[in-house]
Amino acid sequence: MQHALVAELSSSPGRFGLIEDGSGVDEVLAELEEALDARRASVGASLTALPEPPSLTQIEAMLGSAPLFVEIEILFAPQLSVDPVMLLRRLARIRSPRVAVWPGSLEGGRARYSEARRPDHYDRPIEDVIIFRPVVRAFPDEPCFAIERWMN
């Protein structure tokens, strides 16, 4: 299944995956690290190491080679003027597969983050995305996530 999933993530330019954050996300990350033969990249650690807020071009360059992203909350900072979903889509067009842990909710075809009255609020419809929802395993050989496909 791992190879088929990687192929599916790479089959359409701009398609990427989002992991629903919460209980079980570490198991999903471990499986994806193995499937992608890559380590997770902390977006927050990368961007906060800079002396000033980076431009979109700098952000894309810094994240360009990583396929698996965690701690993306910094992308919602109004100072960066970044649309996190569009950034992930652009990165997936350059190189795929790309998968990120989504720190907000993923429901009804929408990606949300924060509350409506806050400056970091985000609410956007998304499509052509594969959603990984962590699940509790009864046996070690069962998948640790369920997959939803939000396609056109």
Protein backbone atom coordinates (compact mmCIF):
# COMPACT_ATOMS: atom_id res chain seq x y z
CA MET A 1 0.00 0.00 0.00
CA GLN A 2 2.83 2.42 0.76
CA HIS A 3 4.14 2.49 -2.81
CA ALA A 4 0.64 2.89 -4.26
CA LEU A 5 -0.05 5.79 -1.91
CA VAL A 6 3.21 7.55 -2.84
CA ALA A 7 2.36 7.04 -6.52
CA GLU A 8 -1.13 8.45 -5.97
CA LEU A 9 0.24 11.53 -4.22
CA SER A 10 2.61 12.07 -7.15
CA SER A 11 0.10 11.31 -9.92
CA SER A 12 -1.37 14.79 -10.27
CA PRO A 13 0.67 18.02 -10.36
CA GLY A 14 -0.09 19.98 -7.21
CA ARG A 15 -1.71 17.11 -5.29
CA PHE A 16 -0.55 16.85 -1.71
CA GLY A 17 -1.52 15.17 1.53
CA LEU A 18 -2.66 16.53 4.86
CA ILE A 19 -2.49 14.61 8.12
CA GLU A 20 -5.20 15.40 10.64
CA ASP A 21 -3.36 16.49 13.78
CA GLY A 22 -4.14 14.78 17.07
CA SER A 23 -3.77 11.43 18.75
CA GLY A 24 -1.92 8.93 16.58
CA VAL A 25 -0.21 11.48 14.32
CA ASP A 26 3.28 10.26 15.33
CA GLU A 27 2.50 6.76 14.05
CA VAL A 28 1.27 8.17 10.75
CA LEU A 29 4.40 10.32 10.45
CA ALA A 30 6.63 7.31 11.15
CA GLU A 31 4.90 5.27 8.42
CA LEU A 32 5.13 8.11 5.92
CA GLU A 33 8.79 8.71 6.75
CA GLU A 34 9.41 5.08 5.89
CA ALA A 35 7.28 5.17 2.73
CA LEU A 36 8.88 8.42 1.51
CA ASP A 37 12.36 7.48 2.74
CA ALA A 38 12.60 10.93 4.31
CA ARG A 39 12.58 12.67 7.66
CA ARG A 40 9.98 15.22 8.72
CA ALA A 41 10.94 18.88 8.39
CA SER A 42 9.85 21.39 11.02
CA VAL A 43 8.61 24.48 9.19
CA GLY A 44 8.48 26.43 12.45
CA ALA A 45 12.10 25.64 13.38
CA SER A 46 13.32 26.51 9.88
CA LEU A 47 11.53 29.85 9.61
CA THR A 48 12.05 31.08 13.17
CA ALA A 49 15.81 30.57 12.82
CA LEU A 50 15.88 33.55 10.43
CA PRO A 51 16.54 37.07 11.75
CA GLU A 52 13.49 38.53 9.99
CA PRO A 53 10.31 37.22 8.35
CA PRO A 54 11.16 35.53 5.05
CA SER A 55 9.55 36.27 1.69
CA LEU A 56 7.42 33.66 -0.07
CA THR A 57 10.34 32.95 -2.42
CA GLN A 58 12.65 32.35 0.55
CA ILE A 59 10.09 30.08 2.22
CA GLU A 60 9.70 28.03 -0.96
CA ALA A 61 13.48 27.71 -1.29
CA MET A 62 13.90 26.65 2.34
CA LEU A 63 11.18 24.00 2.11
CA GLY A 64 11.91 22.93 -1.46
CA SER A 65 13.56 19.58 -0.83
CA ALA A 66 11.44 18.30 2.07
CA PRO A 67 8.49 16.00 1.35
CA LEU A 68 7.05 15.82 4.89
CA PHE A 69 6.22 18.93 6.96
CA VAL A 70 5.37 19.34 10.63
CA GLU A 71 4.85 22.41 12.82
CA ILE A 72 3.41 24.54 10.01
CA GLU A 73 1.53 26.90 12.36
CA ILE A 74 4.00 29.69 11.59
CA LEU A 75 2.67 29.83 8.02
CA PHE A 76 -0.56 31.32 9.38
CA ALA A 77 1.25 34.34 10.84
CA PRO A 78 -0.17 37.46 9.15
CA GLN A 79 3.35 38.93 8.89
CA LEU A 80 4.29 36.26 6.34
CA SER A 81 1.32 36.87 3.99
CA VAL A 82 1.33 33.19 3.00
CA ASP A 83 -1.61 31.00 2.01
CA PRO A 84 -0.50 27.64 3.48
CA VAL A 85 -2.61 25.50 1.12
CA MET A 86 -1.39 27.37 -1.96
CA LEU A 87 2.20 27.09 -0.72
CA LEU A 88 1.83 23.31 -0.32
CA ARG A 89 0.25 23.08 -3.77
CA ARG A 90 3.11 25.08 -5.36
CA LEU A 91 5.68 22.91 -3.59
CA ALA A 92 3.87 19.75 -4.77
CA ARG A 93 4.03 21.01 -8.37
CA ILE A 94 7.79 21.40 -8.09
CA ARG A 95 8.40 18.04 -6.41
CA SER A 96 6.05 15.45 -5.08
CA PRO A 97 4.93 13.84 -2.94
CA ARG A 98 4.32 16.49 -0.26
CA VAL A 99 2.52 15.85 3.01
CA ALA A 100 1.95 18.17 5.99
CA VAL A 101 0.42 17.81 9.43
CA TRP A 102 -2.58 20.19 9.44
CA PRO A 103 -2.88 21.94 12.83
CA GLY A 104 -6.55 22.86 12.44
CA SER A 105 -9.67 21.05 11.29
CA LEU A 106 -10.27 19.21 8.02
CA GLU A 107 -14.01 18.81 7.51
CA GLY A 108 -16.53 19.13 4.73
CA GLY A 109 -13.94 19.87 2.05
CA ARG A 110 -12.50 22.78 4.05
CA ALA A 111 -9.20 23.37 5.79
CA ARG A 112 -9.53 25.58 8.85
CA TYR A 113 -7.16 27.05 11.40
CA SER A 114 -7.76 29.26 14.43
CA GLU A 115 -10.90 31.24 15.27
CA ALA A 116 -12.70 33.73 13.03
CA ARG A 117 -11.90 36.75 15.17
CA ARG A 118 -8.14 36.12 15.28
CA PRO A 119 -5.63 37.54 12.78
CA ASP A 120 -4.24 34.05 12.00
CA HIS A 121 -7.69 32.65 11.09
CA TYR A 122 -7.78 30.51 7.95
CA ASP A 123 -10.79 28.87 6.29
CA ARG A 124 -10.57 27.66 2.73
CA PRO A 125 -12.18 25.02 0.52
CA ILE A 126 -9.63 22.53 -0.80
CA GLU A 127 -9.64 19.80 -3.40
CA ASP A 128 -7.22 17.37 -5.01
CA VAL A 129 -5.89 16.54 -1.54
CA ILE A 130 -5.44 13.24 0.26
CA ILE A 131 -6.40 13.37 3.94
CA PHE A 132 -4.75 11.01 6.41
CA ARG A 133 -6.83 10.50 9.55
CA PRO A 134 -5.04 8.62 12.36
CA VAL A 135 -6.91 5.58 13.68
CA VAL A 136 -6.35 3.28 16.63
CA ARG A 137 -4.94 -0.06 15.53
CA ALA A 138 -6.27 -3.31 16.98
CA PHE A 139 -3.28 -5.22 15.54
CA PRO A 140 0.20 -4.00 14.55
CA ASP A 141 -0.21 -5.01 10.90
CA GLU A 142 -3.30 -2.81 10.42
CA PRO A 143 -2.98 0.66 8.92
CA CYS A 144 -2.59 3.49 11.43
CA PHE A 145 -4.63 5.88 9.28
CA ALA A 146 -7.74 6.07 7.17
CA ILE A 147 -7.57 7.87 3.84
CA GLU A 148 -10.02 10.36 2.41
CA ARG A 149 -9.67 11.70 -1.09
CA TRP A 150 -10.96 15.21 -1.67
CA MET A 151 -10.91 15.40 -5.45
CA ASN A 152 -12.51 17.72 -7.99
